[in-house]
Protein backbone atom coordinates (compact mmCIF):
# COMPACT_ATOMS: atom_id res chain seq x y z
CA MET A 1 7.71 146.04 54.02
CA LYS A 2 9.22 144.14 56.95
CA LYS A 3 5.72 143.47 58.31
CA PHE A 4 4.64 142.13 54.92
CA VAL A 5 7.66 139.81 54.69
CA LEU A 6 7.08 138.60 58.24
CA SER A 7 3.40 137.88 57.55
CA PHE A 8 4.28 136.10 54.33
CA VAL A 9 6.82 133.92 56.12
CA MET A 10 4.32 133.06 58.84
CA ILE A 11 1.70 132.05 56.26
CA ILE A 12 4.21 129.89 54.39
CA SER A 13 5.29 128.28 57.67
CA PHE A 14 1.69 127.53 58.63
CA VAL A 15 0.91 125.98 55.24
CA THR A 16 4.10 123.93 55.48
CA PHE A 17 3.05 122.77 58.98
CA LEU A 18 -0.37 121.68 57.73
CA SER A 19 1.18 119.83 54.81
CA ALA A 20 3.56 118.08 57.17
CA GLN A 21 0.63 116.98 59.34
CA LYS A 22 -1.10 115.38 56.36
CA GLU A 23 2.05 113.46 55.48
CA ILE A 24 2.44 111.98 58.97
CA LYS A 25 2.04 108.23 58.92
CA TYR A 26 0.01 106.96 61.84
CA LYS A 27 -0.11 103.45 63.25
CA LYS A 28 -3.29 104.47 65.06
CA THR A 29 -5.66 107.39 64.76
CA PHE A 30 -7.75 108.52 67.70
CA TYR A 31 -11.06 110.38 67.73
CA LYS A 32 -12.75 112.60 70.29
CA ASN A 33 -15.50 111.42 72.63
CA GLN A 34 -18.81 112.94 71.60
CA THR A 35 -22.47 113.00 72.61
CA ILE A 36 -25.63 113.60 70.62
CA GLU A 37 -29.28 113.33 71.69
CA ASN A 38 -32.90 113.90 70.78
CA ALA A 39 -36.20 113.47 72.63
CA TYR A 40 -35.82 109.67 72.72
CA VAL A 41 -32.15 108.80 73.25
CA LYS A 42 -28.83 110.19 74.37
CA ILE A 43 -25.89 108.63 72.53
CA THR A 44 -22.23 108.85 73.51
CA ILE A 45 -19.29 107.68 71.40
CA ASP A 46 -16.23 106.81 73.50
CA ASP A 47 -12.68 105.59 72.84
CA ALA A 48 -12.85 105.61 69.05
CA VAL A 49 -9.58 104.38 67.53
CA ALA A 50 -8.54 103.06 64.12
CA THR A 51 -5.68 100.54 63.67
CA GLN A 52 -4.46 98.22 60.94
CA ILE A 53 -7.14 95.76 62.09
CA GLY A 54 -10.07 98.18 61.85
CA MET A 55 -11.96 100.87 63.70
CA LYS A 56 -13.53 100.27 67.10
CA PHE A 57 -15.46 102.36 69.61
CA LYS A 58 -18.00 102.11 72.41
CA ILE A 59 -21.50 103.42 71.83
CA SER A 60 -23.53 104.12 75.00
CA ILE A 61 -27.27 104.71 74.73
CA VAL A 62 -29.58 106.25 77.32
CA ASN A 63 -33.25 105.43 76.76
CA LYS A 64 -35.26 108.55 77.67
CA THR A 65 -38.64 106.94 76.99
CA ASN A 66 -41.08 104.65 78.78
CA ASP A 67 -40.81 102.11 75.94
CA TYR A 68 -38.19 99.55 75.07
CA ILE A 69 -35.73 100.68 72.41
CA ILE A 70 -34.13 98.36 69.90
CA PHE A 71 -30.85 99.46 68.33
CA LYS A 72 -29.87 97.63 65.12
CA PRO A 73 -26.24 98.63 64.37
CA SER A 74 -26.38 97.03 60.92
CA GLU A 75 -28.64 99.87 59.75
CA CYS A 76 -26.06 102.53 60.68
CA GLU A 77 -23.56 103.79 58.12
CA PHE A 78 -20.03 105.15 58.32
CA GLN A 79 -18.81 107.47 55.59
CA ILE A 80 -15.02 107.65 55.64
CA LYS A 81 -13.49 109.22 52.51
CA ASP A 82 -15.26 107.41 49.65
CA ASN A 83 -16.09 104.34 51.74
CA LYS A 84 -19.59 103.66 53.05
CA VAL A 85 -19.64 100.85 55.58
CA LYS A 86 -22.37 99.25 57.68
CA PRO A 87 -21.26 97.50 60.91
CA ILE A 88 -22.22 93.90 61.55
CA GLU A 89 -23.32 93.66 65.18
CA LYS A 90 -26.19 92.10 67.12
CA TRP A 91 -29.14 94.10 68.37
CA LEU A 92 -29.01 96.03 71.60
CA VAL A 93 -32.23 96.24 73.64
CA ILE A 94 -32.48 99.06 76.18
CA ARG A 95 -35.10 98.95 78.91
CA PRO A 96 -37.37 101.95 79.56
CA ASN A 97 -35.49 104.83 81.22
CA ASP A 98 -32.34 102.72 81.35
CA LYS A 99 -28.99 102.67 79.57
CA ASP A 100 -26.74 100.13 77.89
CA TRP A 101 -23.74 99.98 75.58
CA LYS A 102 -22.16 98.02 72.76
CA ILE A 103 -18.77 97.88 71.03
CA ILE A 104 -18.92 98.73 67.33
CA ASP A 105 -16.10 97.12 65.34
CA ILE A 106 -15.54 97.53 61.60
CA LYS A 107 -12.74 95.54 60.01
CA GLY A 108 -10.05 96.71 57.60
CA PRO A 109 -6.84 98.80 57.55
CA LYS A 110 -8.23 101.67 55.49
CA TYR A 111 -9.67 103.71 58.35
CA ILE A 112 -6.38 105.07 59.74
CA LEU A 113 -7.06 108.57 58.48
CA PRO A 114 -6.18 111.87 60.19
CA GLU A 115 -9.57 113.41 59.49
CA ASN A 116 -13.19 113.51 60.58
CA PHE A 117 -15.83 111.06 59.36
CA ASP A 118 -19.61 110.91 59.33
CA PHE A 119 -21.63 108.37 61.31
CA LEU A 120 -25.29 108.06 60.33
CA LEU A 121 -27.15 106.66 63.32
CA GLU A 122 -30.07 104.63 61.99
CA GLY A 123 -31.79 101.52 63.27
CA PHE A 124 -33.47 102.84 66.42
CA TYR A 125 -36.97 101.50 67.11
CA LYS A 126 -39.45 102.00 69.95
CA VAL A 127 -41.35 98.94 71.11
CA SER A 128 -44.27 99.33 73.49
CA ILE A 129 -44.99 96.12 75.39
CA ASP A 130 -48.19 97.35 77.00
CA ALA A 131 -50.12 95.51 74.30
CA LYS A 132 -52.23 92.46 75.09
CA GLY A 133 -50.34 89.18 74.96
CA ASN A 134 -51.02 86.07 72.91
CA THR A 135 -53.33 83.37 74.21
CA SER A 136 -50.91 80.60 75.17
CA PRO A 137 -51.73 77.08 76.36
CA ASP A 138 -50.86 76.20 79.94
CA PHE A 139 -47.81 73.95 80.23
CA THR A 140 -47.36 71.24 82.85
CA LEU A 141 -44.23 70.03 84.60
CA PRO A 142 -43.64 67.15 84.05
CA PRO A 143 -44.73 68.03 80.46
CA LYS A 144 -47.55 66.25 78.66
CA SER A 145 -46.11 67.59 75.41
CA ASN A 146 -42.63 68.93 74.69
CA GLU A 147 -43.71 71.90 72.56
CA PHE A 148 -46.48 74.37 71.84
CA LYS A 149 -47.20 77.30 69.53
CA THR A 150 -48.56 80.73 70.33
CA GLY A 151 -48.95 83.22 67.50
CA GLY A 152 -45.66 83.36 65.60
CA PHE A 153 -43.76 81.62 68.41
CA SER A 154 -42.72 77.98 68.55
CA VAL A 155 -41.70 76.95 72.07
CA THR A 156 -39.94 73.69 73.03
CA ILE A 157 -38.88 72.53 76.47
CA ASP A 158 -35.12 71.93 76.56
CA GLY A 159 -34.81 70.21 79.92
CA PHE A 160 -36.20 70.51 83.43
CA LYS A 161 -35.43 69.44 86.99
CA LYS A 162 -37.94 69.15 89.82
CA GLU A 163 -36.86 68.97 93.43
CA THR A 164 -38.66 69.70 96.68
CA ALA A 165 -36.84 73.00 97.22
CA ARG A 166 -36.50 74.12 93.61
CA THR A 167 -37.81 73.54 90.09
CA ASP A 168 -35.96 74.69 86.96
CA ALA A 169 -36.92 74.47 83.30
CA LYS A 170 -35.32 75.72 80.11
CA PHE A 171 -37.23 76.55 76.91
CA LYS A 172 -36.06 77.16 73.36
CA VAL A 173 -38.06 79.70 71.34
CA SER A 174 -38.14 80.53 67.65
CA TYR A 175 -40.15 83.37 66.16
CA ASN A 176 -41.48 83.41 62.61
CA GLY A 177 -44.04 86.20 62.80
CA ASP A 178 -43.90 89.47 60.87
CA LYS A 179 -43.78 91.83 63.86
CA ILE A 180 -41.44 92.00 66.84
CA GLY A 181 -41.88 89.07 69.20
CA VAL A 182 -41.59 89.77 72.92
CA PHE A 183 -41.22 87.37 75.83
CA GLU A 184 -41.65 88.88 79.32
CA PRO A 185 -40.47 86.57 82.13
CA ASN A 186 -42.29 88.56 84.82
CA LYS A 187 -45.73 87.72 83.41
CA LEU A 188 -45.81 83.98 84.00
CA ALA A 189 -46.50 82.01 87.16
CA ALA A 190 -46.76 78.42 88.38
CA ARG A 191 -50.01 77.04 89.76
CA MET A 192 -49.76 74.32 92.38
CA PRO A 193 -52.37 71.58 93.02
CA ASP A 194 -53.99 73.61 95.83
CA GLY A 195 -54.69 76.42 93.31
CA LYS A 196 -52.12 78.86 94.68
CA GLU A 197 -49.87 80.64 92.20
CA TYR A 198 -46.20 81.58 92.52
CA ALA A 199 -44.09 84.04 90.50
CA ASN A 200 -41.19 83.00 88.29
CA PHE A 201 -37.89 83.22 90.22
CA HIS A 202 -36.33 84.80 87.08
CA SER A 203 -39.03 87.46 86.78
CA ASP A 204 -36.43 90.26 86.94
CA ASN A 205 -34.65 89.04 83.80
CA LYS A 206 -34.82 91.29 80.75
CA PRO A 207 -37.57 90.62 78.21
CA LEU A 208 -36.41 88.86 75.06
CA LEU A 209 -37.16 90.56 71.74
CA PHE A 210 -37.34 88.57 68.51
CA ASP A 211 -37.12 89.51 64.86
CA LYS A 212 -38.44 87.09 62.26
CA GLY A 213 -36.24 83.98 62.22
CA THR A 214 -34.69 84.67 65.64
CA VAL A 215 -34.04 81.73 67.97
CA ASP A 216 -33.31 82.19 71.67
CA ASP A 217 -33.86 80.46 74.99
CA PHE A 218 -35.00 81.33 78.48
CA LYS A 219 -35.13 79.75 81.92
CA VAL A 220 -37.89 79.67 84.52
CA ALA A 221 -37.59 78.58 88.14
CA TRP A 222 -39.43 78.36 91.43
CA LYS A 223 -37.82 78.17 94.87
CA ASP A 224 -38.99 77.29 98.36
CA ILE A 225 -42.68 76.92 97.59
CA PRO A 226 -44.44 76.00 100.86
CA ILE A 227 -44.81 72.25 101.14
CA GLU A 228 -48.50 72.80 102.01
CA SER A 229 -49.02 73.77 98.36
CA GLY A 230 -47.41 70.53 97.23
CA ASP A 231 -43.99 68.93 97.05
CA MET A 232 -42.55 70.24 93.77
CA GLN A 233 -40.61 67.04 93.23
CA LYS A 234 -43.74 64.91 93.36
CA VAL A 235 -46.71 66.93 92.14
CA GLU A 236 -47.69 68.33 88.76
CA MET A 237 -47.06 72.05 88.36
CA THR A 238 -48.79 74.16 85.73
CA ILE A 239 -47.04 77.09 84.05
CA LEU A 240 -49.49 79.91 83.30
CA TRP A 241 -47.99 82.01 80.50
CA ARG A 242 -50.61 84.77 80.60
CA ASP A 243 -49.28 87.76 78.60
CA ALA A 244 -45.67 86.55 78.52
CA PHE A 245 -45.67 86.16 74.71
CA LYS A 246 -46.56 89.22 72.63
CA GLU A 247 -46.24 90.43 69.06
CA VAL A 248 -45.95 94.17 68.55
CA ILE A 249 -45.25 96.59 65.71
CA PRO A 250 -41.99 98.56 66.18
CA VAL A 251 -41.97 102.31 65.51
CA LYS A 252 -38.85 103.59 63.77
CA MET A 253 -37.26 106.63 65.37
CA PRO A 254 -35.65 109.59 63.56
CA SER A 255 -32.06 109.13 62.43
CA LEU A 256 -29.16 111.18 63.82
CA ASN A 257 -26.02 112.28 61.99
CA LEU A 258 -22.84 112.69 63.99
CA THR A 259 -19.45 113.91 62.75
CA ILE A 260 -16.73 111.96 64.54
CA LEU A 261 -13.85 114.39 65.13
CA PHE A 262 -10.19 113.44 64.61
CA ASP A 263 -8.16 113.92 67.79
CA GLN A 264 -4.85 115.22 66.46
CA GLU A 265 -3.22 115.72 69.85
CA MET A 266 -3.81 112.16 71.04
CA SER A 267 -2.96 110.69 67.63
CA MET A 268 0.36 112.56 67.62
CA ALA A 269 1.13 111.42 71.18
CA LYS A 270 0.03 107.76 70.95
CA GLY A 271 -0.56 106.88 67.31
CA ARG A 272 2.76 107.29 65.54
């Protein structure tokens, strides 16, 4: 009988403890760091916290493929209680076999909840840029025309400076095609009057990826070209675009579903 009474008291105490936890009012709720992966990506959620302003966390993505990966956060979905929310964030482009990260921030005070929530990870696309590029017209510096078109791209020069030791030019690009537009800065070169060609100084910059309606800009430059090839300040230089502009079809990747776990210990220590 004593054992029964003791067990009954323990059960009542435990239920009372759980009820008390649910009634705790938090100023912040914290969530555990978690990782999920498939054959294409490894995704880590770090430092997830909800406040009166909203919920925020860092999403880190490892690209395990030889293709570029586009992550569109706006296609993801949080399910917290009865709320379904899609974040509003810009794309993230991850180079082949590389990694990158982004802060996801959803606004509103209603996410301070001492419980788990579901995060549907959609919006991942593979983009292979091994495809053949558009045929683009050569462009001279100084320019004979301020703009040109190539496929779904419209390209306008937005300033340039030519000196003996260095030449810089900036271009503004808009894309109105129905695929994914790609600009690769390592593909282009400058041809000097003697016929020799020189690589873009910014060739190690990341490629730019464009959705329909996207506008962006890029810079090109050349430094310390031998004077025997021509004085850059005085002679006409010709930009050879080659395969720098491409239009490719993205391949959507499988979605992932992650349960974000409430961190009771940290929330009790730092969130009340």
